[in-house]
PDB file of N, CA and C in Angstrom:
ATOM      1  N   MET A   1      -9.339 -19.869 -19.165  1.00  0.00           N
ATOM      2  CA  MET A   1      -7.933 -19.871 -18.815  1.00  0.00           C
ATOM      3  C   MET A   1      -7.721 -19.930 -17.302  1.00  0.00           C
ATOM      4  N   LEU A   2      -8.634 -19.334 -16.545  1.00  0.00           N
ATOM      5  CA  LEU A   2      -8.475 -19.335 -15.088  1.00  0.00           C
ATOM      6  C   LEU A   2      -8.439 -20.753 -14.542  1.00  0.00           C
ATOM      7  N   LYS A   3      -9.323 -21.606 -15.037  1.00  0.00           N
ATOM      8  CA  LYS A   3      -9.355 -22.990 -14.548  1.00  0.00           C
ATOM      9  C   LYS A   3      -8.053 -23.710 -14.881  1.00  0.00           C
ATOM     10  N   ALA A   4      -7.509 -23.470 -16.067  1.00  0.00           N
ATOM     11  CA  ALA A   4      -6.234 -24.089 -16.452  1.00  0.00           C
ATOM     12  C   ALA A   4      -5.110 -23.580 -15.554  1.00  0.00           C
ATOM     13  N   ALA A   5      -5.130 -22.290 -15.229  1.00  0.00           N
ATOM     14  CA  ALA A   5      -4.098 -21.714 -14.357  1.00  0.00           C
ATOM     15  C   ALA A   5      -4.175 -22.308 -12.953  1.00  0.00           C
ATOM     16  N   VAL A   6      -5.381 -22.528 -12.465  1.00  0.00           N
ATOM     17  CA  VAL A   6      -5.559 -23.122 -11.139  1.00  0.00           C
ATOM     18  C   VAL A   6      -5.019 -24.550 -11.129  1.00  0.00           C
ATOM     19  N   ILE A   7      -5.326 -25.324 -12.159  1.00  0.00           N
ATOM     20  CA  ILE A   7      -4.823 -26.702 -12.253  1.00  0.00           C
ATOM     21  C   ILE A   7      -3.303 -26.694 -12.341  1.00  0.00           C
ATOM     22  N   PHE A   8      -2.744 -25.805 -13.168  1.00  0.00           N
ATOM     23  CA  PHE A   8      -1.290 -25.668 -13.304  1.00  0.00           C
ATOM     24  C   PHE A   8      -0.658 -25.399 -11.934  1.00  0.00           C
ATOM     25  N   THR A   9      -1.226 -24.462 -11.192  1.00  0.00           N
ATOM     26  CA  THR A   9      -0.680 -24.109  -9.879  1.00  0.00           C
ATOM     27  C   THR A   9      -0.777 -25.274  -8.898  1.00  0.00           C
ATOM     28  N   ARG A  10      -1.900 -25.957  -8.909  1.00  0.00           N
ATOM     29  CA  ARG A  10      -2.056 -27.097  -8.001  1.00  0.00           C
ATOM     30  C   ARG A  10      -1.047 -28.194  -8.300  1.00  0.00           C
ATOM     31  N   ILE A  11      -0.704 -28.388  -9.566  1.00  0.00           N
ATOM     32  CA  ILE A  11       0.258 -29.421  -9.946  1.00  0.00           C
ATOM     33  C   ILE A  11       1.690 -28.968  -9.688  1.00  0.00           C
ATOM     34  N   VAL A  12       2.036 -27.785 -10.179  1.00  0.00           N
ATOM     35  CA  VAL A  12       3.426 -27.315 -10.118  1.00  0.00           C
ATOM     36  C   VAL A  12       3.800 -26.828  -8.719  1.00  0.00           C
ATOM     37  N   SER A  13       2.951 -26.033  -8.115  1.00  0.00           N
ATOM     38  CA  SER A  13       3.269 -25.462  -6.807  1.00  0.00           C
ATOM     39  C   SER A  13       2.766 -26.308  -5.644  1.00  0.00           C
ATOM     40  N   ARG A  14       1.896 -27.273  -5.943  1.00  0.00           N
ATOM     41  CA  ARG A  14       1.336 -28.162  -4.930  1.00  0.00           C
ATOM     42  C   ARG A  14       0.637 -27.382  -3.812  1.00  0.00           C
ATOM     43  N   ILE A  15      -0.161 -26.401  -4.238  1.00  0.00           N
ATOM     44  CA  ILE A  15      -0.943 -25.629  -3.280  1.00  0.00           C
ATOM     45  C   ILE A  15      -2.350 -25.463  -3.861  1.00  0.00           C
ATOM     46  N   ALA A  16      -3.351 -25.709  -3.031  1.00  0.00           N
ATOM     47  CA  ALA A  16      -4.741 -25.676  -3.498  1.00  0.00           C
ATOM     48  C   ALA A  16      -5.302 -24.260  -3.396  1.00  0.00           C
ATOM     49  N   VAL A  17      -5.478 -23.632  -4.518  1.00  0.00           N
ATOM     50  CA  VAL A  17      -6.075 -22.297  -4.585  1.00  0.00           C
ATOM     51  C   VAL A  17      -7.228 -22.318  -5.580  1.00  0.00           C
ATOM     52  N   THR A  18      -8.079 -21.313  -5.483  1.00  0.00           N
ATOM     53  CA  THR A  18      -9.174 -21.210  -6.446  1.00  0.00           C
ATOM     54  C   THR A  18      -8.925 -20.120  -7.476  1.00  0.00           C
ATOM     55  N   ASP A  19      -7.970 -19.225  -7.198  1.00  0.00           N
ATOM     56  CA  ASP A  19      -7.626 -18.168  -8.140  1.00  0.00           C
ATOM     57  C   ASP A  19      -6.122 -17.933  -8.062  1.00  0.00           C
ATOM     58  N   THR A  20      -5.444 -18.191  -9.158  1.00  0.00           N
ATOM     59  CA  THR A  20      -3.987 -18.131  -9.165  1.00  0.00           C
ATOM     60  C   THR A  20      -3.439 -16.711  -9.226  1.00  0.00           C
ATOM     61  N   HIS A  21      -4.008 -15.888 -10.066  1.00  0.00           N
ATOM     62  CA  HIS A  21      -3.423 -14.564 -10.318  1.00  0.00           C
ATOM     63  C   HIS A  21      -4.395 -13.427 -10.099  1.00  0.00           C
ATOM     64  N   ASN A  22      -5.140 -13.450  -9.019  1.00  0.00           N
ATOM     65  CA  ASN A  22      -6.057 -12.332  -8.854  1.00  0.00           C
ATOM     66  C   ASN A  22      -5.307 -11.050  -8.518  1.00  0.00           C
ATOM     67  N   GLY A  23      -4.068 -11.156  -8.063  1.00  0.00           N
ATOM     68  CA  GLY A  23      -3.243  -9.976  -7.839  1.00  0.00           C
ATOM     69  C   GLY A  23      -3.472  -9.285  -6.507  1.00  0.00           C
ATOM     70  N   PHE A  24      -4.370  -9.778  -5.702  1.00  0.00           N
ATOM     71  CA  PHE A  24      -4.647  -9.161  -4.408  1.00  0.00           C
ATOM     72  C   PHE A  24      -4.182 -10.106  -3.323  1.00  0.00           C
ATOM     73  N   ARG A  25      -3.139  -9.716  -2.599  1.00  0.00           N
ATOM     74  CA  ARG A  25      -2.572 -10.563  -1.549  1.00  0.00           C
ATOM     75  C   ARG A  25      -2.427  -9.751  -0.264  1.00  0.00           C
ATOM     76  N   VAL A  26      -2.639 -10.393   0.852  1.00  0.00           N
ATOM     77  CA  VAL A  26      -2.448  -9.781   2.160  1.00  0.00           C
ATOM     78  C   VAL A  26      -1.523 -10.699   2.950  1.00  0.00           C
ATOM     79  N   PHE A  27      -0.526 -10.108   3.600  1.00  0.00           N
ATOM     80  CA  PHE A  27       0.443 -10.896   4.363  1.00  0.00           C
ATOM     81  C   PHE A  27       0.601 -10.328   5.761  1.00  0.00           C
ATOM     82  N   SER A  28       0.940 -11.206   6.676  1.00  0.00           N
ATOM     83  CA  SER A  28       1.389 -10.724   7.976  1.00  0.00           C
ATOM     84  C   SER A  28       2.796 -10.154   7.760  1.00  0.00           C
ATOM     85  N   ARG A  29       3.249  -9.378   8.690  1.00  0.00           N
ATOM     86  CA  ARG A  29       4.591  -8.800   8.574  1.00  0.00           C
ATOM     87  C   ARG A  29       5.649  -9.897   8.485  1.00  0.00           C
ATOM     88  N   SER A  30       5.518 -10.933   9.344  1.00  0.00           N
ATOM     89  CA  SER A  30       6.522 -12.002   9.345  1.00  0.00           C
ATOM     90  C   SER A  30       6.511 -12.771   8.023  1.00  0.00           C
ATOM     91  N   ALA A  31       5.334 -12.994   7.453  1.00  0.00           N
ATOM     92  CA  ALA A  31       5.256 -13.691   6.161  1.00  0.00           C
ATOM     93  C   ALA A  31       5.886 -12.834   5.059  1.00  0.00           C
ATOM     94  N   ALA A  32       5.568 -11.548   5.058  1.00  0.00           N
ATOM     95  CA  ALA A  32       6.126 -10.653   4.038  1.00  0.00           C
ATOM     96  C   ALA A  32       7.651 -10.599   4.125  1.00  0.00           C
ATOM     97  N   GLN A  33       8.192 -10.687   5.332  1.00  0.00           N
ATOM     98  CA  GLN A  33       9.643 -10.663   5.492  1.00  0.00           C
ATOM     99  C   GLN A  33      10.288 -11.985   5.085  1.00  0.00           C
ATOM    100  N   ALA A  34       9.543 -13.084   5.187  1.00  0.00           N
ATOM    101  CA  ALA A  34      10.097 -14.405   4.867  1.00  0.00           C
ATOM    102  C   ALA A  34      10.016 -14.744   3.376  1.00  0.00           C
ATOM    103  N   ILE A  35       8.993 -14.258   2.710  1.00  0.00           N
ATOM    104  CA  ILE A  35       8.785 -14.584   1.289  1.00  0.00           C
ATOM    105  C   ILE A  35       9.827 -13.880   0.436  1.00  0.00           C
ATOM    106  N   ARG A  36      10.480 -14.638  -0.421  1.00  0.00           N
ATOM    107  CA  ARG A  36      11.496 -14.105  -1.328  1.00  0.00           C
ATOM    108  C   ARG A  36      10.957 -14.156  -2.749  1.00  0.00           C
ATOM    109  N   ILE A  37      10.846 -13.000  -3.362  1.00  0.00           N
ATOM    110  CA  ILE A  37      10.354 -12.904  -4.742  1.00  0.00           C
ATOM    111  C   ILE A  37      11.532 -12.545  -5.650  1.00  0.00           C
ATOM    112  N   ARG A  38      11.761 -13.398  -6.653  1.00  0.00           N
ATOM    113  CA  ARG A  38      12.836 -13.144  -7.605  1.00  0.00           C
ATOM    114  C   ARG A  38      12.298 -12.830  -8.994  1.00  0.00           C
ATOM    115  N   GLN A  39      11.093 -13.256  -9.259  1.00  0.00           N
ATOM    116  CA  GLN A  39      10.551 -13.088 -10.606  1.00  0.00           C
ATOM    117  C   GLN A  39       9.746 -11.798 -10.715  1.00  0.00           C
ATOM    118  N   ASP A  40       9.736 -11.255 -11.925  1.00  0.00           N
ATOM    119  CA  ASP A  40       8.976 -10.044 -12.147  1.00  0.00           C
ATOM    120  C   ASP A  40       7.752 -10.353 -12.999  1.00  0.00           C
ATOM    121  N   ARG A  41       7.084  -9.317 -13.411  1.00  0.00           N
ATOM    122  CA  ARG A  41       5.868  -9.432 -14.216  1.00  0.00           C
ATOM    123  C   ARG A  41       4.869 -10.322 -13.484  1.00  0.00           C
ATOM    124  N   MET A  42       4.043 -11.056 -14.181  1.00  0.00           N
ATOM    125  CA  MET A  42       2.996 -11.842 -13.522  1.00  0.00           C
ATOM    126  C   MET A  42       3.490 -13.171 -12.942  1.00  0.00           C
ATOM    127  N   ALA A  43       4.675 -13.619 -13.312  1.00  0.00           N
ATOM    128  CA  ALA A  43       5.194 -14.877 -12.774  1.00  0.00           C
ATOM    129  C   ALA A  43       5.386 -14.792 -11.260  1.00  0.00           C
ATOM    130  N   HIS A  44       5.565 -13.582 -10.740  1.00  0.00           N
ATOM    131  CA  HIS A  44       5.757 -13.451  -9.293  1.00  0.00           C
ATOM    132  C   HIS A  44       4.522 -13.920  -8.509  1.00  0.00           C
ATOM    133  N   ALA A  45       3.331 -13.825  -9.106  1.00  0.00           N
ATOM    134  CA  ALA A  45       2.116 -14.262  -8.406  1.00  0.00           C
ATOM    135  C   ALA A  45       2.165 -15.759  -8.113  1.00  0.00           C
ATOM    136  N   SER A  46       2.672 -16.542  -9.064  1.00  0.00           N
ATOM    137  CA  SER A  46       2.843 -17.981  -8.835  1.00  0.00           C
ATOM    138  C   SER A  46       3.987 -18.239  -7.869  1.00  0.00           C
ATOM    139  N   GLU A  47       5.031 -17.439  -7.964  1.00  0.00           N
ATOM    140  CA  GLU A  47       6.178 -17.608  -7.066  1.00  0.00           C
ATOM    141  C   GLU A  47       5.771 -17.363  -5.606  1.00  0.00           C
ATOM    142  N   ILE A  48       4.895 -16.411  -5.365  1.00  0.00           N
ATOM    143  CA  ILE A  48       4.414 -16.152  -4.009  1.00  0.00           C
ATOM    144  C   ILE A  48       3.722 -17.399  -3.461  1.00  0.00           C
ATOM    145  N   LEU A  49       2.917 -18.041  -4.276  1.00  0.00           N
ATOM    146  CA  LEU A  49       2.238 -19.268  -3.831  1.00  0.00           C
ATOM    147  C   LEU A  49       3.248 -20.376  -3.547  1.00  0.00           C
ATOM    148  N   ASP A  50       4.283 -20.478  -4.369  1.00  0.00           N
ATOM    149  CA  ASP A  50       5.364 -21.447  -4.109  1.00  0.00           C
ATOM    150  C   ASP A  50       6.007 -21.174  -2.753  1.00  0.00           C
ATOM    151  N   GLU A  51       6.254 -19.922  -2.470  1.00  0.00           N
ATOM    152  CA  GLU A  51       6.892 -19.540  -1.210  1.00  0.00           C
ATOM    153  C   GLU A  51       5.991 -19.855  -0.018  1.00  0.00           C
ATOM    154  N   ILE A  52       4.704 -19.629  -0.164  1.00  0.00           N
ATOM    155  CA  ILE A  52       3.768 -19.959   0.918  1.00  0.00           C
ATOM    156  C   ILE A  52       3.860 -21.441   1.245  1.00  0.00           C
ATOM    157  N   ARG A  53       3.883 -22.278   0.211  1.00  0.00           N
ATOM    158  CA  ARG A  53       3.993 -23.722   0.437  1.00  0.00           C
ATOM    159  C   ARG A  53       5.356 -24.074   1.004  1.00  0.00           C
ATOM    160  N   ARG A  54       6.424 -23.542   0.401  1.00  0.00           N
ATOM    161  CA  ARG A  54       7.788 -23.868   0.833  1.00  0.00           C
ATOM    162  C   ARG A  54       8.017 -23.514   2.300  1.00  0.00           C
ATOM    163  N   LEU A  55       7.501 -22.373   2.715  1.00  0.00           N
ATOM    164  CA  LEU A  55       7.707 -21.901   4.086  1.00  0.00           C
ATOM    165  C   LEU A  55       6.684 -22.462   5.065  1.00  0.00           C
ATOM    166  N   GLY A  56       5.686 -23.172   4.551  1.00  0.00           N
ATOM    167  CA  GLY A  56       4.656 -23.733   5.425  1.00  0.00           C
ATOM    168  C   GLY A  56       3.765 -22.672   6.043  1.00  0.00           C
ATOM    169  N   LEU A  57       3.580 -21.570   5.338  1.00  0.00           N
ATOM    170  CA  LEU A  57       2.747 -20.493   5.860  1.00  0.00           C
ATOM    171  C   LEU A  57       1.269 -20.848   5.725  1.00  0.00           C
ATOM    172  N   ARG A  58       0.497 -20.410   6.668  1.00  0.00           N
ATOM    173  CA  ARG A  58      -0.950 -20.595   6.573  1.00  0.00           C
ATOM    174  C   ARG A  58      -1.495 -19.558   5.604  1.00  0.00           C
ATOM    175  N   PHE A  59      -2.552 -19.938   4.897  1.00  0.00           N
ATOM    176  CA  PHE A  59      -3.193 -18.980   4.011  1.00  0.00           C
ATOM    177  C   PHE A  59      -4.670 -19.294   3.914  1.00  0.00           C
ATOM    178  N   ARG A  60      -5.414 -18.319   3.508  1.00  0.00           N
ATOM    179  CA  ARG A  60      -6.816 -18.555   3.197  1.00  0.00           C
ATOM    180  C   ARG A  60      -7.200 -17.564   2.120  1.00  0.00           C
ATOM    181  N   GLU A  61      -8.200 -17.933   1.379  1.00  0.00           N
ATOM    182  CA  GLU A  61      -8.663 -17.077   0.296  1.00  0.00           C
ATOM    183  C   GLU A  61      -9.926 -16.339   0.739  1.00  0.00           C
ATOM    184  N   ALA A  62     -10.080 -15.154   0.229  1.00  0.00           N
ATOM    185  CA  ALA A  62     -11.282 -14.366   0.476  1.00  0.00           C
ATOM    186  C   ALA A  62     -11.840 -13.962  -0.890  1.00  0.00           C
ATOM    187  N   PRO A  63     -13.132 -14.034  -1.049  1.00  0.00           N
ATOM    188  CA  PRO A  63     -13.704 -13.676  -2.352  1.00  0.00           C
ATOM    189  C   PRO A  63     -13.525 -12.191  -2.659  1.00  0.00           C
ATOM    190  N   VAL A  64     -13.275 -11.891  -3.907  1.00  0.00           N
ATOM    191  CA  VAL A  64     -13.185 -10.511  -4.374  1.00  0.00           C
ATOM    192  C   VAL A  64     -14.112 -10.353  -5.574  1.00  0.00           C
ATOM    193  N   THR A  65     -14.579  -9.152  -5.754  1.00  0.00           N
ATOM    194  CA  THR A  65     -15.393  -8.840  -6.923  1.00  0.00           C
ATOM    195  C   THR A  65     -14.581  -7.941  -7.827  1.00  0.00           C
ATOM    196  N   ILE A  66     -14.460  -8.332  -9.066  1.00  0.00           N
ATOM    197  CA  ILE A  66     -13.680  -7.553 -10.021  1.00  0.00           C
ATOM    198  C   ILE A  66     -14.648  -6.893 -10.985  1.00  0.00           C
ATOM    199  N   ARG A  67     -14.479  -5.613 -11.144  1.00  0.00           N
ATOM    200  CA  ARG A  67     -15.296  -4.862 -12.105  1.00  0.00           C
ATOM    201  C   ARG A  67     -14.356  -4.279 -13.148  1.00  0.00           C
ATOM    202  N   TYR A  68     -14.507  -4.734 -14.363  1.00  0.00           N
ATOM    203  CA  TYR A  68     -13.674  -4.247 -15.447  1.00  0.00           C
ATOM    204  C   TYR A  68     -14.319  -3.035 -16.103  1.00  0.00           C
ATOM    205  N   SER A  69     -13.493  -2.069 -16.437  1.00  0.00           N
ATOM    206  CA  SER A  69     -14.003  -0.911 -17.166  1.00  0.00           C
ATOM    207  C   SER A  69     -14.146  -1.282 -18.642  1.00  0.00           C
ATOM    208  N   ALA A  70     -14.867  -0.469 -19.381  1.00  0.00           N
ATOM    209  CA  ALA A  70     -15.038  -0.712 -20.819  1.00  0.00           C
ATOM    210  C   ALA A  70     -13.675  -0.732 -21.515  1.00  0.00           C
ATOM    211  N   ALA A  71     -12.771   0.151 -21.105  1.00  0.00           N
ATOM    212  CA  ALA A  71     -11.446   0.209 -21.723  1.00  0.00           C
ATOM    213  C   ALA A  71     -10.653  -1.068 -21.455  1.00  0.00           C
ATOM    214  N   THR A  72     -10.754  -1.588 -20.237  1.00  0.00           N
ATOM    215  CA  THR A  72     -10.058  -2.826 -19.888  1.00  0.00           C
ATOM    216  C   THR A  72     -10.607  -4.002 -20.681  1.00  0.00           C
ATOM    217  N   LEU A  73     -11.918  -4.083 -20.772  1.00  0.00           N
ATOM    218  CA  LEU A  73     -12.538  -5.168 -21.533  1.00  0.00           C
ATOM    219  C   LEU A  73     -12.161  -5.079 -23.009  1.00  0.00           C
ATOM    220  N   GLU A  74     -12.075  -3.881 -23.513  1.00  0.00           N
ATOM    221  CA  GLU A  74     -11.710  -3.682 -24.921  1.00  0.00           C
ATOM    222  C   GLU A  74     -10.280  -4.149 -25.185  1.00  0.00           C
ATOM    223  N   LYS A  75      -9.409  -3.881 -24.227  1.00  0.00           N
ATOM    224  CA  LYS A  75      -8.000  -4.279 -24.356  1.00  0.00           C
ATOM    225  C   LYS A  75      -7.874  -5.795 -24.381  1.00  0.00           C
ATOM    226  N   GLY A  76      -8.590  -6.467 -23.476  1.00  0.00           N
ATOM    227  CA  GLY A  76      -8.577  -7.929 -23.434  1.00  0.00           C
ATOM    228  C   GLY A  76      -7.245  -8.509 -22.997  1.00  0.00           C
ATOM    229  N   GLN A  77      -7.199  -9.814 -22.920  1.00  0.00           N
ATOM    230  CA  GLN A  77      -5.988 -10.553 -22.573  1.00  0.00           C
ATOM    231  C   GLN A  77      -5.832 -11.696 -23.553  1.00  0.00           C
ATOM    232  N   SER A  78      -4.641 -11.896 -24.029  1.00  0.00           N
ATOM    233  CA  SER A  78      -4.351 -12.983 -24.951  1.00  0.00           C
ATOM    234  C   SER A  78      -4.108 -14.276 -24.170  1.00  0.00           C
ATOM    235  N   SER A  79      -4.567 -15.390 -24.719  1.00  0.00           N
ATOM    236  CA  SER A  79      -4.279 -16.686 -24.105  1.00  0.00           C
ATOM    237  C   SER A  79      -2.781 -16.963 -24.121  1.00  0.00           C
ATOM    238  N   TRP A  80      -2.095 -16.386 -25.083  1.00  0.00           N
ATOM    239  CA  TRP A  80      -0.642 -16.549 -25.137  1.00  0.00           C
ATOM    240  C   TRP A  80       0.029 -15.900 -23.939  1.00  0.00           C
ATOM    241  N   ASN A  81      -0.619 -14.895 -23.382  1.00  0.00           N
ATOM    242  CA  ASN A  81      -0.096 -14.265 -22.168  1.00  0.00           C
ATOM    243  C   ASN A  81       0.024 -15.291 -21.049  1.00  0.00           C
ATOM    244  N   ALA A  82      -0.985 -16.134 -20.900  1.00  0.00           N
ATOM    245  CA  ALA A  82      -0.972 -17.171 -19.860  1.00  0.00           C
ATOM    246  C   ALA A  82       0.164 -18.161 -20.103  1.00  0.00           C
ATOM    247  N   VAL A  83       0.367 -18.531 -21.351  1.00  0.00           N
ATOM    248  CA  VAL A  83       1.454 -19.454 -21.698  1.00  0.00           C
ATOM    249  C   VAL A  83       2.799 -18.807 -21.378  1.00  0.00           C
ATOM    250  N   ARG A  84       2.943 -17.532 -21.718  1.00  0.00           N
ATOM    251  CA  ARG A  84       4.194 -16.810 -21.449  1.00  0.00           C
ATOM    252  C   ARG A  84       4.462 -16.738 -19.945  1.00  0.00           C
ATOM    253  N   ILE A  85       3.426 -16.454 -19.162  1.00  0.00           N
ATOM    254  CA  ILE A  85       3.577 -16.374 -17.701  1.00  0.00           C
ATOM    255  C   ILE A  85       4.001 -17.736 -17.135  1.00  0.00           C
ATOM    256  N   ALA A  86       3.338 -18.809 -17.579  1.00  0.00           N
ATOM    257  CA  ALA A  86       3.688 -20.158 -17.100  1.00  0.00           C
ATOM    258  C   ALA A  86       5.130 -20.496 -17.462  1.00  0.00           C
ATOM    259  N   TRP A  87       5.538 -20.173 -18.688  1.00  0.00           N
ATOM    260  CA  TRP A  87       6.909 -20.454 -19.122  1.00  0.00           C
ATOM    261  C   TRP A  87       7.910 -19.673 -18.271  1.00  0.00           C
ATOM    262  N   GLN A  88       7.643 -18.383 -18.074  1.00  0.00           N
ATOM    263  CA  GLN A  88       8.543 -17.548 -17.274  1.00  0.00           C
ATOM    264  C   GLN A  88       8.653 -18.103 -15.855  1.00  0.00           C
ATOM    265  N   PHE A  89       7.552 -18.538 -15.287  1.00  0.00           N
ATOM    266  CA  PHE A  89       7.550 -19.104 -13.946  1.00  0.00           C
ATOM    267  C   PHE A  89       8.371 -20.370 -13.870  1.00  0.00           C
ATOM    268  N   LEU A  90       8.161 -21.288 -14.830  1.00  0.00           N
ATOM    269  CA  LEU A  90       8.885 -22.561 -14.826  1.00  0.00           C
ATOM    270  C   LEU A  90      10.382 -22.337 -15.030  1.00  0.00           C
ATOM    271  N   VAL A  91      10.755 -21.456 -15.933  1.00  0.00           N
ATOM    272  CA  VAL A  91      12.180 -21.161 -16.144  1.00  0.00           C
ATOM    273  C   VAL A  91      12.772 -20.558 -14.879  1.00  0.00           C
ATOM    274  N   GLY A  92      12.026 -19.692 -14.226  1.00  0.00           N
ATOM    275  CA  GLY A  92      12.492 -19.075 -12.975  1.00  0.00           C
ATOM    276  C   GLY A  92      12.691 -20.075 -11.861  1.00  0.00           C
ATOM    277  N   LYS A  93      11.966 -21.185 -11.878  1.00  0.00           N
ATOM    278  CA  LYS A  93      12.139 -22.224 -10.864  1.00  0.00           C
ATOM    279  C   LYS A  93      13.436 -22.999 -11.089  1.00  0.00           C
ATOM    280  N   VAL A  94      13.872 -23.044 -12.349  1.00  0.00           N
ATOM    281  CA  VAL A  94      15.056 -23.828 -12.690  1.00  0.00           C
ATOM    282  C   VAL A  94      16.322 -22.974 -12.665  1.00  0.00           C
ATOM    283  N   VAL A  95      16.206 -21.750 -13.174  1.00  0.00           N
ATOM    284  CA  VAL A  95      17.364 -20.856 -13.277  1.00  0.00           C
ATOM    285  C   VAL A  95      17.260 -19.795 -12.194  1.00  0.00           C
ATOM    286  N   PRO A  96      18.144 -19.845 -11.195  1.00  0.00           N
ATOM    287  CA  PRO A  96      18.084 -18.863 -10.106  1.00  0.00           C
ATOM    288  C   PRO A  96      18.462 -17.464 -10.541  1.00  0.00           C
TER     289      PRO A  96
END
């Protein structure tokens, strides 16, 4: 699903990233003040990337290591979750 999310982001947001929703972002103060987030839940992660492109902000990615606990792995993530996030993001782009 990660590869599909990256392709989706590159097409829809027109920004080249290697990880769409890792959830770890660092901003300069001026960037944080300029970025406007309207969407909630996980769709905001894609919206942040849209804002970076829209505002012409510089960005770079840094590798992170994720360690899942046994409880997290047991819970898992549904592929439908990714579809729901993409839908919420696309609707949010159309409906202010």
